[in-house]
Amino acid sequence: MTTSAPDQTTRDRLEERTGTAWFRYREALRGLEPGEYEEVEPREWDLLQRALAPVERERAALAAEAESDPSRTATPE
């Protein structure tokens, strides 16, 4: 099964947002001393989770739409 072009564009955008969120998390922690890491990491983890939550909700909604509407997917030829 393949996805329609708009769905693929949306999936690509969601992947980009996921990658950006993880990049920001890693960059915020890069080069920290152990004491700094212990202080900063919980806050950065919370920010990461807040960034990823809407992405996951959108991804789940997209999957649910595809399951409920067979015209949103096409079978390969």
N, C-alpha and C. Protein backbone atom coordinates (compact mmCIF):
# COMPACT_ATOMS: atom_id res chain seq x y z
N MET A 1 0.85 -1.17 0.00
CA MET A 1 0.00 0.00 0.00
C MET A 1 0.89 1.23 0.00
N THR A 2 0.52 2.23 -0.78
CA THR A 2 1.24 3.50 -0.81
C THR A 2 0.33 4.59 -0.28
N THR A 3 0.90 5.69 0.10
CA THR A 3 0.10 6.81 0.61
C THR A 3 -0.06 7.85 -0.48
N SER A 4 -1.10 8.66 -0.33
CA SER A 4 -1.31 9.74 -1.30
C SER A 4 -0.24 10.81 -1.10
N ALA A 5 -0.08 11.67 -2.09
CA ALA A 5 0.94 12.72 -2.02
C ALA A 5 0.74 13.65 -0.83
N PRO A 6 -0.50 14.13 -0.57
CA PRO A 6 -0.65 15.00 0.61
C PRO A 6 -0.29 14.28 1.91
N ASP A 7 -0.68 13.01 2.02
CA ASP A 7 -0.33 12.25 3.22
C ASP A 7 1.18 12.09 3.35
N GLN A 8 1.85 11.84 2.25
CA GLN A 8 3.31 11.68 2.30
C GLN A 8 3.98 13.00 2.67
N THR A 9 3.46 14.09 2.15
CA THR A 9 3.99 15.40 2.50
C THR A 9 3.82 15.65 4.00
N THR A 10 2.66 15.31 4.52
CA THR A 10 2.42 15.46 5.96
C THR A 10 3.36 14.58 6.76
N ARG A 11 3.52 13.34 6.33
CA ARG A 11 4.44 12.44 7.04
C ARG A 11 5.87 12.98 7.00
N ASP A 12 6.28 13.50 5.88
CA ASP A 12 7.63 14.08 5.77
C ASP A 12 7.78 15.26 6.73
N ARG A 13 6.76 16.10 6.80
CA ARG A 13 6.79 17.25 7.70
C ARG A 13 6.86 16.80 9.15
N LEU A 14 6.12 15.75 9.49
CA LEU A 14 6.16 15.23 10.86
C LEU A 14 7.54 14.66 11.19
N GLU A 15 8.15 13.98 10.24
CA GLU A 15 9.50 13.46 10.46
C GLU A 15 10.49 14.60 10.66
N GLU A 16 10.32 15.66 9.90
CA GLU A 16 11.20 16.82 10.04
C GLU A 16 11.05 17.45 11.42
N ARG A 17 9.81 17.60 11.87
CA ARG A 17 9.58 18.17 13.20
C ARG A 17 10.16 17.29 14.29
N THR A 18 10.05 15.97 14.13
CA THR A 18 10.62 15.03 15.09
C THR A 18 12.14 15.18 15.14
N GLY A 19 12.75 15.20 13.98
CA GLY A 19 14.20 15.35 13.91
C GLY A 19 14.68 16.67 14.50
N THR A 20 13.95 17.73 14.24
CA THR A 20 14.31 19.04 14.78
C THR A 20 14.22 19.04 16.30
N ALA A 21 13.18 18.44 16.84
CA ALA A 21 13.02 18.39 18.30
C ALA A 21 14.17 17.63 18.94
N TRP A 22 14.55 16.48 18.38
CA TRP A 22 15.66 15.71 18.93
C TRP A 22 16.98 16.46 18.78
N PHE A 23 17.15 17.14 17.67
CA PHE A 23 18.37 17.92 17.46
C PHE A 23 18.51 18.99 18.54
N ARG A 24 17.43 19.71 18.79
CA ARG A 24 17.46 20.76 19.82
C ARG A 24 17.78 20.18 21.19
N TYR A 25 17.21 19.03 21.49
CA TYR A 25 17.48 18.36 22.77
C TYR A 25 18.97 18.02 22.89
N ARG A 26 19.50 17.38 21.86
CA ARG A 26 20.93 16.99 21.89
C ARG A 26 21.83 18.22 21.99
N GLU A 27 21.50 19.27 21.24
CA GLU A 27 22.33 20.46 21.26
C GLU A 27 22.31 21.16 22.63
N ALA A 28 21.16 21.12 23.28
CA ALA A 28 21.05 21.76 24.60
C ALA A 28 21.92 21.04 25.63
N LEU A 29 22.19 19.75 25.41
CA LEU A 29 22.96 18.96 26.37
C LEU A 29 24.43 18.82 25.99
N ARG A 30 24.75 19.16 24.78
CA ARG A 30 26.12 18.98 24.28
C ARG A 30 27.11 19.79 25.11
N GLY A 31 28.16 19.13 25.54
CA GLY A 31 29.27 19.80 26.19
C GLY A 31 29.03 20.22 27.64
N LEU A 32 27.93 19.79 28.22
CA LEU A 32 27.66 20.17 29.61
C LEU A 32 28.53 19.35 30.56
N GLU A 33 28.93 19.98 31.63
CA GLU A 33 29.62 19.28 32.71
C GLU A 33 28.59 18.42 33.45
N PRO A 34 29.05 17.37 34.15
CA PRO A 34 28.09 16.49 34.84
C PRO A 34 27.07 17.22 35.72
N GLY A 35 27.50 18.17 36.51
CA GLY A 35 26.57 18.90 37.36
C GLY A 35 25.56 19.71 36.55
N GLU A 36 26.05 20.31 35.49
CA GLU A 36 25.16 21.08 34.61
C GLU A 36 24.15 20.15 33.94
N TYR A 37 24.63 18.99 33.49
CA TYR A 37 23.75 18.03 32.82
C TYR A 37 22.60 17.63 33.75
N GLU A 38 22.93 17.31 34.99
CA GLU A 38 21.91 16.89 35.96
C GLU A 38 20.85 17.98 36.15
N GLU A 39 21.25 19.22 36.05
CA GLU A 39 20.33 20.33 36.23
C GLU A 39 19.50 20.59 34.97
N VAL A 40 20.14 20.53 33.81
CA VAL A 40 19.51 20.93 32.56
C VAL A 40 18.69 19.81 31.91
N GLU A 41 19.15 18.59 32.00
CA GLU A 41 18.52 17.50 31.25
C GLU A 41 17.03 17.32 31.55
N PRO A 42 16.57 17.32 32.81
CA PRO A 42 15.13 17.14 33.03
C PRO A 42 14.28 18.21 32.34
N ARG A 43 14.75 19.44 32.37
CA ARG A 43 14.01 20.52 31.71
C ARG A 43 13.99 20.33 30.20
N GLU A 44 15.15 19.96 29.64
CA GLU A 44 15.22 19.74 28.19
C GLU A 44 14.38 18.53 27.77
N TRP A 45 14.35 17.49 28.62
CA TRP A 45 13.53 16.31 28.32
C TRP A 45 12.05 16.72 28.28
N ASP A 46 11.64 17.55 29.22
CA ASP A 46 10.27 18.03 29.25
C ASP A 46 9.95 18.82 27.98
N LEU A 47 10.86 19.68 27.58
CA LEU A 47 10.66 20.45 26.34
C LEU A 47 10.57 19.53 25.12
N LEU A 48 11.41 18.50 25.10
CA LEU A 48 11.37 17.53 24.00
C LEU A 48 10.02 16.83 23.96
N GLN A 49 9.55 16.37 25.12
CA GLN A 49 8.27 15.68 25.16
C GLN A 49 7.12 16.59 24.72
N ARG A 50 7.19 17.86 25.12
CA ARG A 50 6.16 18.82 24.69
C ARG A 50 6.20 19.05 23.18
N ALA A 51 7.38 19.03 22.61
CA ALA A 51 7.52 19.22 21.17
C ALA A 51 7.03 17.99 20.41
N LEU A 52 7.28 16.81 20.97
CA LEU A 52 6.92 15.57 20.27
C LEU A 52 5.45 15.20 20.43
N ALA A 53 4.80 15.60 21.50
CA ALA A 53 3.41 15.22 21.75
C ALA A 53 2.47 15.61 20.61
N PRO A 54 2.48 16.86 20.14
CA PRO A 54 1.57 17.19 19.04
C PRO A 54 1.92 16.46 17.75
N VAL A 55 3.19 16.19 17.55
CA VAL A 55 3.61 15.44 16.36
C VAL A 55 3.01 14.03 16.42
N GLU A 56 3.10 13.39 17.58
CA GLU A 56 2.56 12.04 17.72
C GLU A 56 1.04 12.03 17.58
N ARG A 57 0.37 13.06 18.12
CA ARG A 57 -1.08 13.14 17.96
C ARG A 57 -1.46 13.29 16.49
N GLU A 58 -0.72 14.13 15.77
CA GLU A 58 -1.00 14.33 14.35
C GLU A 58 -0.73 13.06 13.56
N ARG A 59 0.35 12.37 13.91
CA ARG A 59 0.68 11.11 13.24
C ARG A 59 -0.42 10.07 13.47
N ALA A 60 -0.92 9.98 14.71
CA ALA A 60 -1.99 9.04 15.03
C ALA A 60 -3.27 9.40 14.29
N ALA A 61 -3.58 10.69 14.21
CA ALA A 61 -4.78 11.12 13.49
C ALA A 61 -4.68 10.79 12.01
N LEU A 62 -3.50 10.98 11.45
CA LEU A 62 -3.29 10.67 10.04
C LEU A 62 -3.49 9.17 9.79
N ALA A 63 -2.96 8.35 10.69
CA ALA A 63 -3.12 6.90 10.55
C ALA A 63 -4.59 6.50 10.69
N ALA A 64 -5.30 7.11 11.63
CA ALA A 64 -6.71 6.81 11.82
C ALA A 64 -7.52 7.20 10.60
N GLU A 65 -7.21 8.35 10.01
CA GLU A 65 -7.91 8.78 8.79
C GLU A 65 -7.68 7.80 7.66
N ALA A 66 -6.46 7.35 7.53
CA ALA A 66 -6.13 6.41 6.45
C ALA A 66 -6.87 5.09 6.63
N GLU A 67 -7.00 4.65 7.87
CA GLU A 67 -7.71 3.40 8.14
C GLU A 67 -9.20 3.53 7.88
N SER A 68 -9.76 4.69 8.20
CA SER A 68 -11.22 4.87 8.06
C SER A 68 -11.64 5.28 6.66
N ASP A 69 -10.71 5.76 5.86
CA ASP A 69 -11.04 6.22 4.52
C ASP A 69 -10.12 5.56 3.50
N PRO A 70 -10.54 4.42 2.93
CA PRO A 70 -9.70 3.69 2.00
C PRO A 70 -9.26 4.50 0.77
N SER A 71 -9.99 5.55 0.44
CA SER A 71 -9.61 6.36 -0.73
C SER A 71 -8.35 7.17 -0.45
N ARG A 72 -7.92 7.26 0.81
CA ARG A 72 -6.70 8.01 1.15
C ARG A 72 -5.44 7.20 0.88
N THR A 73 -5.59 5.94 0.59
CA THR A 73 -4.45 5.10 0.26
C THR A 73 -4.69 4.48 -1.11
N ALA A 74 -3.64 4.14 -1.75
CA ALA A 74 -3.73 3.51 -3.07
C ALA A 74 -2.87 2.26 -3.05
N THR A 75 -3.27 1.29 -3.82
CA THR A 75 -2.47 0.08 -3.91
C THR A 75 -1.49 0.22 -5.07
N PRO A 76 -0.28 -0.30 -4.93
CA PRO A 76 0.68 -0.19 -6.03
C PRO A 76 0.22 -0.99 -7.23
N GLU A 77 0.63 -0.51 -8.40
CA GLU A 77 0.25 -1.19 -9.65
C GLU A 77 1.18 -2.32 -9.95
